[in-house]
N, C-alpha and C. Protein backbone atom coordinates (compact mmCIF):
# COMPACT_ATOMS: atom_id res chain seq x y z
N MET A 1 17.99 -19.72 5.73
CA MET A 1 16.99 -18.65 5.68
C MET A 1 17.41 -17.51 6.61
N GLN A 2 17.34 -16.29 6.10
CA GLN A 2 17.69 -15.12 6.89
C GLN A 2 16.66 -14.86 8.00
N THR A 3 17.08 -14.16 9.02
CA THR A 3 16.17 -13.67 10.06
C THR A 3 16.51 -12.20 10.32
N PHE A 4 15.63 -11.51 11.02
CA PHE A 4 15.94 -10.14 11.41
C PHE A 4 17.09 -10.13 12.41
N ARG A 5 18.01 -9.20 12.23
CA ARG A 5 19.02 -8.96 13.24
C ARG A 5 18.34 -8.36 14.47
N PRO A 6 18.92 -8.53 15.66
CA PRO A 6 18.31 -7.92 16.85
C PRO A 6 18.04 -6.43 16.69
N SER A 7 18.97 -5.71 16.04
CA SER A 7 18.77 -4.27 15.84
C SER A 7 17.60 -3.99 14.91
N GLU A 8 17.40 -4.85 13.91
CA GLU A 8 16.28 -4.67 12.98
C GLU A 8 14.95 -4.94 13.67
N LEU A 9 14.93 -5.97 14.51
CA LEU A 9 13.70 -6.27 15.25
C LEU A 9 13.38 -5.15 16.24
N ARG A 10 14.40 -4.59 16.86
CA ARG A 10 14.17 -3.46 17.76
C ARG A 10 13.61 -2.27 16.99
N PHE A 11 14.15 -2.05 15.80
CA PHE A 11 13.64 -0.93 15.01
C PHE A 11 12.18 -1.15 14.63
N LEU A 12 11.82 -2.36 14.21
CA LEU A 12 10.42 -2.65 13.88
C LEU A 12 9.53 -2.42 15.10
N ARG A 13 9.99 -2.84 16.27
CA ARG A 13 9.20 -2.64 17.49
C ARG A 13 9.06 -1.16 17.85
N SER A 14 10.04 -0.36 17.42
CA SER A 14 9.96 1.08 17.70
C SER A 14 8.90 1.76 16.84
N LEU A 15 8.48 1.10 15.77
CA LEU A 15 7.41 1.64 14.91
C LEU A 15 6.08 1.18 15.49
N HIS A 16 5.77 1.62 16.70
CA HIS A 16 4.68 1.02 17.48
C HIS A 16 3.33 1.67 17.22
N SER A 17 3.23 2.49 16.20
CA SER A 17 1.92 3.01 15.79
C SER A 17 1.89 3.07 14.26
N PRO A 18 0.72 2.99 13.67
CA PRO A 18 0.64 3.11 12.21
C PRO A 18 1.27 4.40 11.70
N ARG A 19 1.12 5.49 12.43
CA ARG A 19 1.70 6.76 12.00
C ARG A 19 3.22 6.69 11.97
N LYS A 20 3.83 6.00 12.95
CA LYS A 20 5.29 5.85 12.96
C LYS A 20 5.76 5.01 11.78
N ILE A 21 5.00 3.97 11.44
CA ILE A 21 5.35 3.16 10.27
C ILE A 21 5.30 4.03 9.02
N GLN A 22 4.25 4.83 8.90
CA GLN A 22 4.13 5.71 7.74
C GLN A 22 5.28 6.72 7.69
N SER A 23 5.65 7.25 8.83
CA SER A 23 6.75 8.22 8.86
C SER A 23 8.05 7.61 8.36
N PHE A 24 8.30 6.35 8.73
CA PHE A 24 9.49 5.69 8.21
C PHE A 24 9.41 5.56 6.70
N LEU A 25 8.26 5.11 6.19
CA LEU A 25 8.13 4.95 4.75
C LEU A 25 8.27 6.28 4.01
N ASP A 26 7.75 7.34 4.61
CA ASP A 26 7.88 8.67 3.99
C ASP A 26 9.32 9.15 3.97
N SER A 27 10.17 8.58 4.82
CA SER A 27 11.56 9.03 4.92
C SER A 27 12.47 8.35 3.91
N ILE A 28 11.99 7.31 3.23
CA ILE A 28 12.85 6.59 2.29
C ILE A 28 12.40 6.90 0.86
N PRO A 29 13.31 6.82 -0.11
CA PRO A 29 12.93 7.15 -1.49
C PRO A 29 12.02 6.09 -2.11
N TYR A 30 11.15 6.56 -2.98
CA TYR A 30 10.28 5.65 -3.72
C TYR A 30 11.14 4.85 -4.70
N HIS A 31 10.85 3.57 -4.79
CA HIS A 31 11.66 2.61 -5.53
C HIS A 31 11.02 2.34 -6.90
N LEU A 32 11.73 2.58 -7.97
CA LEU A 32 11.17 2.42 -9.31
C LEU A 32 11.50 1.08 -9.97
N ALA A 33 12.39 0.30 -9.38
CA ALA A 33 12.83 -0.95 -10.02
C ALA A 33 11.75 -2.03 -9.93
N GLY A 34 11.84 -3.01 -10.80
CA GLY A 34 10.88 -4.11 -10.85
C GLY A 34 11.22 -5.22 -9.88
N THR A 35 11.09 -4.94 -8.61
CA THR A 35 11.42 -5.90 -7.56
C THR A 35 10.20 -6.11 -6.68
N ALA A 36 10.30 -7.09 -5.79
CA ALA A 36 9.27 -7.33 -4.78
C ALA A 36 10.00 -7.66 -3.47
N TYR A 37 10.59 -6.63 -2.88
CA TYR A 37 11.38 -6.82 -1.67
C TYR A 37 10.51 -7.29 -0.50
N SER A 38 11.10 -8.15 0.32
CA SER A 38 10.50 -8.51 1.60
C SER A 38 10.71 -7.37 2.59
N PRO A 39 10.03 -7.39 3.74
CA PRO A 39 10.30 -6.38 4.77
C PRO A 39 11.77 -6.32 5.18
N LEU A 40 12.42 -7.47 5.27
CA LEU A 40 13.84 -7.48 5.61
C LEU A 40 14.65 -6.68 4.60
N MET A 41 14.38 -6.87 3.31
CA MET A 41 15.13 -6.18 2.27
C MET A 41 14.79 -4.69 2.21
N VAL A 42 13.55 -4.33 2.53
CA VAL A 42 13.22 -2.90 2.62
C VAL A 42 14.06 -2.24 3.72
N LEU A 43 14.18 -2.91 4.86
CA LEU A 43 15.00 -2.37 5.94
C LEU A 43 16.45 -2.21 5.51
N ARG A 44 16.96 -3.16 4.78
CA ARG A 44 18.38 -3.14 4.43
C ARG A 44 18.68 -2.24 3.24
N GLU A 45 17.75 -2.16 2.29
CA GLU A 45 17.97 -1.33 1.11
C GLU A 45 17.50 0.10 1.31
N LYS A 46 16.63 0.34 2.29
CA LYS A 46 16.09 1.68 2.60
C LYS A 46 15.40 2.31 1.39
N THR A 47 14.59 1.51 0.69
CA THR A 47 13.79 2.00 -0.42
C THR A 47 12.65 1.02 -0.64
N ALA A 48 11.56 1.50 -1.25
CA ALA A 48 10.41 0.64 -1.50
C ALA A 48 9.49 1.29 -2.53
N HIS A 49 8.72 0.45 -3.24
CA HIS A 49 7.58 0.96 -4.00
C HIS A 49 6.32 0.53 -3.27
N CYS A 50 5.14 0.74 -3.88
CA CYS A 50 3.90 0.59 -3.11
C CYS A 50 3.70 -0.82 -2.59
N LEU A 51 3.95 -1.84 -3.41
CA LEU A 51 3.78 -3.22 -2.96
C LEU A 51 4.73 -3.52 -1.81
N GLU A 52 6.00 -3.18 -1.99
CA GLU A 52 7.00 -3.45 -0.96
C GLU A 52 6.69 -2.70 0.34
N ALA A 53 6.24 -1.47 0.20
CA ALA A 53 5.91 -0.67 1.38
C ALA A 53 4.73 -1.26 2.14
N ALA A 54 3.72 -1.70 1.42
CA ALA A 54 2.55 -2.29 2.07
C ALA A 54 2.93 -3.58 2.81
N ILE A 55 3.75 -4.40 2.18
CA ILE A 55 4.19 -5.63 2.82
C ILE A 55 5.05 -5.32 4.05
N PHE A 56 5.94 -4.33 3.92
CA PHE A 56 6.73 -3.91 5.07
C PHE A 56 5.83 -3.42 6.19
N ALA A 57 4.85 -2.57 5.85
CA ALA A 57 3.95 -2.03 6.88
C ALA A 57 3.18 -3.15 7.57
N ALA A 58 2.76 -4.15 6.80
CA ALA A 58 2.05 -5.29 7.39
C ALA A 58 2.94 -6.02 8.40
N ALA A 59 4.21 -6.17 8.05
CA ALA A 59 5.14 -6.83 8.97
C ALA A 59 5.34 -6.00 10.24
N ALA A 60 5.50 -4.68 10.09
CA ALA A 60 5.68 -3.81 11.25
C ALA A 60 4.42 -3.80 12.12
N LEU A 61 3.26 -3.80 11.50
CA LEU A 61 2.02 -3.89 12.26
C LEU A 61 1.97 -5.20 13.06
N ARG A 62 2.39 -6.29 12.41
CA ARG A 62 2.35 -7.59 13.08
C ARG A 62 3.27 -7.62 14.29
N VAL A 63 4.48 -7.12 14.13
CA VAL A 63 5.44 -7.11 15.24
C VAL A 63 4.88 -6.34 16.43
N ASN A 64 3.99 -5.38 16.14
CA ASN A 64 3.42 -4.55 17.19
C ASN A 64 1.98 -4.91 17.54
N GLY A 65 1.60 -6.17 17.23
CA GLY A 65 0.35 -6.70 17.75
C GLY A 65 -0.88 -6.62 16.87
N HIS A 66 -0.72 -6.13 15.64
CA HIS A 66 -1.83 -6.08 14.70
C HIS A 66 -1.74 -7.24 13.71
N PRO A 67 -2.85 -7.66 13.10
CA PRO A 67 -2.75 -8.63 12.01
C PRO A 67 -2.09 -8.00 10.79
N PRO A 68 -1.29 -8.78 10.05
CA PRO A 68 -0.58 -8.23 8.88
C PRO A 68 -1.47 -8.25 7.63
N LEU A 69 -2.25 -7.19 7.46
CA LEU A 69 -3.25 -7.15 6.40
C LEU A 69 -2.84 -6.19 5.29
N ILE A 70 -2.99 -6.62 4.04
CA ILE A 70 -2.82 -5.73 2.90
C ILE A 70 -4.07 -5.80 2.03
N LEU A 71 -4.27 -4.75 1.24
CA LEU A 71 -5.46 -4.64 0.40
C LEU A 71 -5.03 -4.08 -0.95
N ASP A 72 -5.60 -4.61 -2.02
CA ASP A 72 -5.27 -4.17 -3.38
C ASP A 72 -6.33 -3.21 -3.89
N LEU A 73 -5.90 -2.06 -4.38
CA LEU A 73 -6.77 -1.13 -5.08
C LEU A 73 -6.54 -1.33 -6.57
N GLU A 74 -7.58 -1.69 -7.29
CA GLU A 74 -7.46 -2.06 -8.71
C GLU A 74 -7.84 -0.88 -9.59
N ALA A 75 -7.03 -0.64 -10.62
CA ALA A 75 -7.24 0.51 -11.50
C ALA A 75 -7.39 0.06 -12.95
N THR A 76 -7.90 0.97 -13.78
CA THR A 76 -7.95 0.78 -15.21
C THR A 76 -7.05 1.83 -15.85
N LYS A 77 -6.33 1.46 -16.90
CA LYS A 77 -5.39 2.37 -17.58
C LYS A 77 -4.37 2.94 -16.61
N ASP A 78 -3.98 2.14 -15.62
CA ASP A 78 -3.10 2.62 -14.56
C ASP A 78 -2.60 1.40 -13.79
N SER A 79 -1.67 1.62 -12.90
CA SER A 79 -1.16 0.56 -12.03
C SER A 79 -2.09 0.38 -10.83
N ASP A 80 -2.18 -0.86 -10.35
CA ASP A 80 -2.85 -1.09 -9.08
C ASP A 80 -2.01 -0.45 -7.96
N HIS A 81 -2.65 -0.26 -6.82
CA HIS A 81 -1.96 0.29 -5.65
C HIS A 81 -2.25 -0.63 -4.47
N VAL A 82 -1.23 -0.96 -3.69
CA VAL A 82 -1.37 -1.86 -2.56
C VAL A 82 -1.09 -1.08 -1.28
N ILE A 83 -1.96 -1.28 -0.28
CA ILE A 83 -1.83 -0.60 1.00
C ILE A 83 -1.91 -1.63 2.13
N ALA A 84 -1.33 -1.31 3.26
CA ALA A 84 -1.56 -2.08 4.48
C ALA A 84 -2.75 -1.44 5.20
N VAL A 85 -3.63 -2.26 5.76
CA VAL A 85 -4.81 -1.73 6.44
C VAL A 85 -4.83 -2.21 7.89
N PHE A 86 -5.45 -1.40 8.74
CA PHE A 86 -5.53 -1.71 10.16
C PHE A 86 -6.82 -1.13 10.73
N ARG A 87 -7.26 -1.70 11.85
CA ARG A 87 -8.44 -1.18 12.57
C ARG A 87 -8.01 -0.60 13.90
N GLN A 88 -8.62 0.54 14.23
CA GLN A 88 -8.32 1.18 15.50
C GLN A 88 -9.58 1.90 15.97
N ASP A 89 -10.03 1.58 17.16
CA ASP A 89 -11.23 2.20 17.74
C ASP A 89 -12.44 2.09 16.80
N GLY A 90 -12.54 0.96 16.11
CA GLY A 90 -13.68 0.71 15.25
C GLY A 90 -13.58 1.27 13.85
N GLY A 91 -12.52 1.99 13.55
CA GLY A 91 -12.36 2.57 12.21
C GLY A 91 -11.23 1.92 11.44
N TRP A 92 -11.34 1.93 10.12
CA TRP A 92 -10.30 1.42 9.25
C TRP A 92 -9.37 2.56 8.83
N GLY A 93 -8.07 2.27 8.82
CA GLY A 93 -7.07 3.19 8.30
C GLY A 93 -6.10 2.43 7.43
N SER A 94 -5.14 3.15 6.84
CA SER A 94 -4.20 2.48 5.94
C SER A 94 -2.85 3.17 5.95
N ILE A 95 -1.86 2.41 5.54
CA ILE A 95 -0.47 2.87 5.41
C ILE A 95 -0.04 2.56 3.98
N GLY A 96 0.62 3.50 3.33
CA GLY A 96 1.04 3.23 1.97
C GLY A 96 2.13 4.17 1.51
N LEU A 97 2.76 3.78 0.42
CA LEU A 97 3.78 4.59 -0.24
C LEU A 97 3.44 4.63 -1.71
N SER A 98 3.53 5.80 -2.31
CA SER A 98 3.19 5.94 -3.72
C SER A 98 4.05 7.02 -4.34
N ASN A 99 4.16 6.98 -5.66
CA ASN A 99 4.83 8.03 -6.40
C ASN A 99 3.91 9.23 -6.58
N PHE A 100 2.64 9.09 -6.16
CA PHE A 100 1.67 10.18 -6.19
C PHE A 100 1.35 10.58 -4.74
N ALA A 101 1.35 11.87 -4.48
CA ALA A 101 1.32 12.37 -3.10
C ALA A 101 0.08 11.95 -2.32
N GLY A 102 -1.07 11.82 -2.99
CA GLY A 102 -2.31 11.59 -2.27
C GLY A 102 -2.65 10.14 -1.99
N LEU A 103 -1.76 9.21 -2.31
CA LEU A 103 -2.09 7.79 -2.18
C LEU A 103 -1.33 7.12 -1.04
N ARG A 104 -1.16 7.83 0.05
CA ARG A 104 -0.39 7.30 1.17
C ARG A 104 -1.29 7.03 2.38
N TYR A 105 -0.99 7.62 3.52
CA TYR A 105 -1.65 7.29 4.79
C TYR A 105 -3.11 7.74 4.82
N ARG A 106 -3.92 6.95 5.52
CA ARG A 106 -5.29 7.34 5.86
C ARG A 106 -5.50 7.09 7.35
N ALA A 107 -5.99 8.11 8.06
CA ALA A 107 -6.31 7.96 9.47
C ALA A 107 -7.43 6.94 9.65
N PRO A 108 -7.47 6.23 10.80
CA PRO A 108 -8.47 5.17 11.00
C PRO A 108 -9.84 5.72 11.38
N VAL A 109 -10.47 6.40 10.41
CA VAL A 109 -11.77 7.02 10.66
C VAL A 109 -12.87 6.48 9.72
N TYR A 110 -12.53 5.49 8.91
CA TYR A 110 -13.47 4.99 7.90
C TYR A 110 -14.24 3.80 8.45
N ARG A 111 -15.57 3.85 8.29
CA ARG A 111 -16.44 2.84 8.91
C ARG A 111 -16.41 1.52 8.17
N SER A 112 -15.96 1.51 6.93
CA SER A 112 -15.93 0.28 6.14
C SER A 112 -14.74 0.33 5.20
N LEU A 113 -14.40 -0.83 4.65
CA LEU A 113 -13.32 -0.88 3.67
C LEU A 113 -13.70 -0.14 2.40
N ARG A 114 -15.00 -0.14 2.07
CA ARG A 114 -15.42 0.61 0.88
C ARG A 114 -15.19 2.10 1.09
N GLU A 115 -15.54 2.61 2.26
CA GLU A 115 -15.27 4.02 2.56
C GLU A 115 -13.78 4.32 2.45
N LEU A 116 -12.97 3.44 2.99
CA LEU A 116 -11.51 3.63 2.94
C LEU A 116 -11.04 3.64 1.49
N ALA A 117 -11.49 2.68 0.70
CA ALA A 117 -11.08 2.63 -0.71
C ALA A 117 -11.51 3.90 -1.45
N MET A 118 -12.73 4.35 -1.20
CA MET A 118 -13.23 5.53 -1.90
C MET A 118 -12.48 6.80 -1.50
N SER A 119 -11.84 6.79 -0.33
CA SER A 119 -11.07 7.97 0.07
C SER A 119 -9.88 8.21 -0.86
N TYR A 120 -9.50 7.18 -1.62
CA TYR A 120 -8.40 7.31 -2.57
C TYR A 120 -8.87 7.76 -3.96
N PHE A 121 -10.17 7.83 -4.17
CA PHE A 121 -10.69 7.99 -5.53
C PHE A 121 -10.20 9.27 -6.22
N ASN A 122 -10.35 10.41 -5.57
CA ASN A 122 -9.98 11.67 -6.23
C ASN A 122 -8.49 11.83 -6.46
N ASP A 123 -7.69 11.17 -5.64
CA ASP A 123 -6.24 11.26 -5.78
C ASP A 123 -5.66 10.20 -6.71
N TYR A 124 -6.50 9.31 -7.20
CA TYR A 124 -6.03 8.17 -8.00
C TYR A 124 -6.27 8.49 -9.47
N PHE A 125 -5.22 8.94 -10.15
CA PHE A 125 -5.35 9.32 -11.56
C PHE A 125 -4.04 9.00 -12.28
N ASN A 126 -4.15 8.89 -13.61
CA ASN A 126 -2.96 8.62 -14.40
C ASN A 126 -2.40 9.92 -14.99
N LEU A 127 -1.37 9.81 -15.82
CA LEU A 127 -0.71 11.00 -16.35
C LEU A 127 -1.57 11.75 -17.36
N ARG A 128 -2.65 11.13 -17.80
CA ARG A 128 -3.62 11.84 -18.66
C ARG A 128 -4.73 12.49 -17.83
N ARG A 129 -4.57 12.45 -16.52
CA ARG A 129 -5.51 13.02 -15.55
C ARG A 129 -6.86 12.29 -15.54
N GLU A 130 -6.85 11.04 -15.97
CA GLU A 130 -8.06 10.22 -15.92
C GLU A 130 -8.18 9.60 -14.52
N ARG A 131 -9.39 9.60 -13.96
CA ARG A 131 -9.64 8.96 -12.67
C ARG A 131 -9.70 7.46 -12.91
N THR A 132 -8.85 6.71 -12.25
CA THR A 132 -8.63 5.33 -12.67
C THR A 132 -9.00 4.25 -11.66
N LEU A 133 -9.29 4.60 -10.41
CA LEU A 133 -9.61 3.60 -9.40
C LEU A 133 -10.97 2.95 -9.72
N ARG A 134 -11.03 1.62 -9.68
CA ARG A 134 -12.26 0.93 -10.04
C ARG A 134 -12.74 -0.11 -9.02
N ALA A 135 -11.85 -0.71 -8.23
CA ALA A 135 -12.26 -1.81 -7.36
C ALA A 135 -11.27 -1.97 -6.21
N TYR A 136 -11.69 -2.73 -5.20
CA TYR A 136 -10.80 -3.02 -4.08
C TYR A 136 -11.00 -4.48 -3.67
N SER A 137 -9.95 -5.06 -3.12
CA SER A 137 -10.02 -6.43 -2.63
C SER A 137 -10.39 -6.44 -1.16
N GLN A 138 -10.78 -7.59 -0.66
CA GLN A 138 -10.84 -7.78 0.78
C GLN A 138 -9.40 -7.86 1.31
N PRO A 139 -9.18 -7.57 2.59
CA PRO A 139 -7.82 -7.66 3.11
C PRO A 139 -7.27 -9.09 3.02
N VAL A 140 -6.00 -9.17 2.70
CA VAL A 140 -5.28 -10.44 2.67
C VAL A 140 -4.37 -10.49 3.88
N ASN A 141 -4.55 -11.52 4.71
CA ASN A 141 -3.71 -11.69 5.89
C ASN A 141 -2.44 -12.42 5.48
N LEU A 142 -1.32 -11.74 5.58
CA LEU A 142 -0.07 -12.29 5.07
C LEU A 142 0.46 -13.46 5.90
N LYS A 143 -0.17 -13.76 7.03
CA LYS A 143 0.28 -14.93 7.78
C LYS A 143 0.09 -16.20 6.96
N LYS A 144 -0.77 -16.14 5.93
CA LYS A 144 -0.96 -17.30 5.07
C LYS A 144 0.32 -17.66 4.32
N PHE A 145 1.29 -16.71 4.28
CA PHE A 145 2.55 -16.96 3.60
C PHE A 145 3.71 -17.19 4.58
N ASP A 146 3.38 -17.46 5.83
CA ASP A 146 4.45 -17.69 6.81
C ASP A 146 5.36 -18.84 6.41
N HIS A 147 4.78 -19.87 5.80
CA HIS A 147 5.59 -21.03 5.42
C HIS A 147 6.60 -20.68 4.31
N LEU A 148 6.38 -19.53 3.65
CA LEU A 148 7.30 -19.06 2.62
C LEU A 148 8.25 -17.97 3.15
N HIS A 149 8.17 -17.71 4.45
CA HIS A 149 9.08 -16.76 5.11
C HIS A 149 9.04 -15.38 4.44
N TRP A 150 7.81 -14.87 4.24
CA TRP A 150 7.62 -13.63 3.50
C TRP A 150 8.26 -12.42 4.17
N MET A 151 8.45 -12.46 5.48
CA MET A 151 9.00 -11.30 6.17
C MET A 151 10.51 -11.18 6.03
N THR A 152 11.20 -12.30 5.81
CA THR A 152 12.66 -12.28 5.91
C THR A 152 13.39 -12.88 4.71
N ARG A 153 12.70 -13.09 3.61
CA ARG A 153 13.38 -13.61 2.43
C ARG A 153 14.35 -12.57 1.88
N THR A 154 15.41 -13.05 1.23
CA THR A 154 16.32 -12.13 0.55
C THR A 154 16.11 -12.15 -0.96
N ASP A 155 15.20 -13.00 -1.44
CA ASP A 155 14.78 -12.94 -2.84
C ASP A 155 13.38 -12.32 -2.90
N ASN A 156 12.85 -12.15 -4.10
CA ASN A 156 11.59 -11.45 -4.27
C ASN A 156 10.39 -12.25 -3.75
N VAL A 157 9.38 -11.52 -3.31
CA VAL A 157 8.15 -12.14 -2.79
C VAL A 157 7.00 -11.95 -3.80
N TRP A 158 7.29 -12.28 -5.04
CA TRP A 158 6.28 -12.11 -6.09
C TRP A 158 5.03 -12.94 -5.83
N PHE A 159 5.14 -13.99 -5.02
CA PHE A 159 3.97 -14.82 -4.74
C PHE A 159 2.85 -14.01 -4.06
N ILE A 160 3.22 -12.95 -3.35
CA ILE A 160 2.19 -12.10 -2.74
C ILE A 160 1.48 -11.29 -3.82
N ALA A 161 2.24 -10.70 -4.73
CA ALA A 161 1.64 -9.94 -5.82
C ALA A 161 0.75 -10.84 -6.68
N GLU A 162 1.21 -12.05 -6.94
CA GLU A 162 0.42 -12.99 -7.76
C GLU A 162 -0.88 -13.36 -7.06
N HIS A 163 -0.84 -13.49 -5.75
CA HIS A 163 -2.06 -13.79 -5.01
C HIS A 163 -3.06 -12.64 -5.10
N LEU A 164 -2.58 -11.41 -5.04
CA LEU A 164 -3.47 -10.25 -5.13
C LEU A 164 -4.18 -10.18 -6.48
N CYS A 165 -3.57 -10.77 -7.49
CA CYS A 165 -4.19 -10.77 -8.83
C CYS A 165 -5.39 -11.69 -8.92
N VAL A 166 -5.49 -12.66 -8.02
CA VAL A 166 -6.56 -13.65 -8.13
C VAL A 166 -7.61 -13.54 -7.02
N VAL A 167 -7.37 -12.70 -6.02
CA VAL A 167 -8.39 -12.57 -4.97
C VAL A 167 -9.57 -11.76 -5.52
N PRO A 168 -10.79 -12.03 -5.04
CA PRO A 168 -11.95 -11.28 -5.52
C PRO A 168 -11.85 -9.79 -5.20
N HIS A 169 -12.34 -8.98 -6.12
CA HIS A 169 -12.39 -7.53 -5.95
C HIS A 169 -13.84 -7.06 -6.05
N THR A 170 -14.14 -6.00 -5.33
CA THR A 170 -15.47 -5.39 -5.33
C THR A 170 -15.43 -4.11 -6.14
N LYS A 171 -16.34 -3.99 -7.12
CA LYS A 171 -16.39 -2.79 -7.95
C LYS A 171 -16.86 -1.59 -7.14
N LEU A 172 -16.31 -0.43 -7.45
CA LEU A 172 -16.68 0.80 -6.78
C LEU A 172 -17.66 1.64 -7.59
N LEU A 173 -17.65 1.49 -8.91
CA LEU A 173 -18.45 2.34 -9.78
C LEU A 173 -19.32 1.51 -10.71
N SER A 174 -20.47 2.04 -11.05
CA SER A 174 -21.28 1.44 -12.11
C SER A 174 -20.74 1.90 -13.46
N SER A 175 -21.16 1.23 -14.52
CA SER A 175 -20.73 1.63 -15.87
C SER A 175 -21.17 3.05 -16.18
N LYS A 176 -22.37 3.41 -15.74
CA LYS A 176 -22.86 4.77 -15.97
C LYS A 176 -21.99 5.80 -15.25
N MET A 177 -21.59 5.50 -14.02
CA MET A 177 -20.69 6.40 -13.29
C MET A 177 -19.36 6.56 -14.01
N GLU A 178 -18.83 5.44 -14.51
CA GLU A 178 -17.55 5.50 -15.22
C GLU A 178 -17.63 6.40 -16.44
N ARG A 179 -18.72 6.29 -17.20
CA ARG A 179 -18.86 7.10 -18.42
C ARG A 179 -18.98 8.58 -18.11
N ALA A 180 -19.45 8.92 -16.92
CA ALA A 180 -19.66 10.32 -16.55
C ALA A 180 -18.44 10.97 -15.91
N LEU A 181 -17.37 10.23 -15.71
CA LEU A 181 -16.21 10.79 -15.03
C LEU A 181 -15.56 11.91 -15.84
N THR A 182 -15.11 12.93 -15.14
CA THR A 182 -14.38 14.03 -15.76
C THR A 182 -12.91 13.95 -15.36
N PRO A 183 -12.02 14.56 -16.13
CA PRO A 183 -10.59 14.54 -15.74
C PRO A 183 -10.35 15.31 -14.45
N VAL A 184 -9.29 14.93 -13.77
CA VAL A 184 -8.83 15.69 -12.60
C VAL A 184 -8.37 17.06 -13.09
N ASP A 185 -8.74 18.12 -12.37
CA ASP A 185 -8.33 19.45 -12.83
C ASP A 185 -6.82 19.60 -12.69
N LEU A 186 -6.27 20.49 -13.49
CA LEU A 186 -4.82 20.60 -13.63
C LEU A 186 -4.13 20.92 -12.32
N ARG A 187 -4.72 21.82 -11.51
CA ARG A 187 -4.08 22.19 -10.25
C ARG A 187 -4.01 21.00 -9.30
N ALA A 188 -5.10 20.22 -9.21
CA ALA A 188 -5.11 19.05 -8.33
C ALA A 188 -4.12 18.00 -8.84
N ALA A 189 -4.01 17.86 -10.17
CA ALA A 189 -3.06 16.89 -10.73
C ALA A 189 -1.63 17.30 -10.40
N LYS A 190 -1.33 18.57 -10.52
CA LYS A 190 0.02 19.04 -10.18
C LYS A 190 0.33 18.81 -8.71
N ALA A 191 -0.66 19.06 -7.85
CA ALA A 191 -0.47 18.83 -6.41
C ALA A 191 -0.21 17.36 -6.13
N GLY A 192 -0.94 16.49 -6.82
CA GLY A 192 -0.79 15.06 -6.60
C GLY A 192 0.53 14.50 -7.06
N MET A 193 1.24 15.24 -7.93
CA MET A 193 2.52 14.77 -8.44
C MET A 193 3.72 15.48 -7.82
N VAL A 194 3.48 16.23 -6.75
CA VAL A 194 4.60 16.86 -6.04
C VAL A 194 5.56 15.78 -5.54
N GLY A 195 6.81 15.90 -5.87
CA GLY A 195 7.82 14.95 -5.42
C GLY A 195 7.89 13.66 -6.23
N ARG A 196 7.12 13.59 -7.31
CA ARG A 196 7.09 12.35 -8.11
C ARG A 196 8.44 12.06 -8.74
N ARG A 197 8.91 10.83 -8.59
CA ARG A 197 10.15 10.39 -9.22
C ARG A 197 9.87 9.89 -10.62
N LYS A 198 10.66 10.36 -11.60
CA LYS A 198 10.44 9.95 -12.99
C LYS A 198 11.43 8.90 -13.44
N SER A 199 12.56 8.80 -12.79
CA SER A 199 13.56 7.78 -13.16
C SER A 199 14.51 7.56 -11.99
């Protein structure tokens, strides 16, 4: 089983705030391949998609004294989005990487996980400009996968993604609210897709 090299562990320790973790993720290209890299592989490959980035952020948070928590945002007619979440001074914040500009970092100012999830609502849309966010999970503490060496595997960690599919989710909208939704306006949609990778 692989372990972090001393230099890799030092680098993780240098990401000693959620903002520093986000800055690292913002510096690497968004990953379009169908993989589920561990934090070790994200460090070595220098690329990630949303699931991989959230898992990496959870590992970096853990190394720096936070619990390694991730949360699933569930969508309709769209892909789910996974973020790492943390508490600071009584507020919830999040770290994330997305192919859409507005689905990344959130400062720890949200009083509840529902507030945090709803902060993603207006930026969460598909290519038809439909607002697609519908539910959120409770945080999953990745220490439950320590026996599977989730931080340092060199093969895929699909077991984490599979677990997110079965954890309970809380709905954000009523059926009446869903029926009343309007498309995201064109200017906001263009802004949300700045820097989007297509292939």
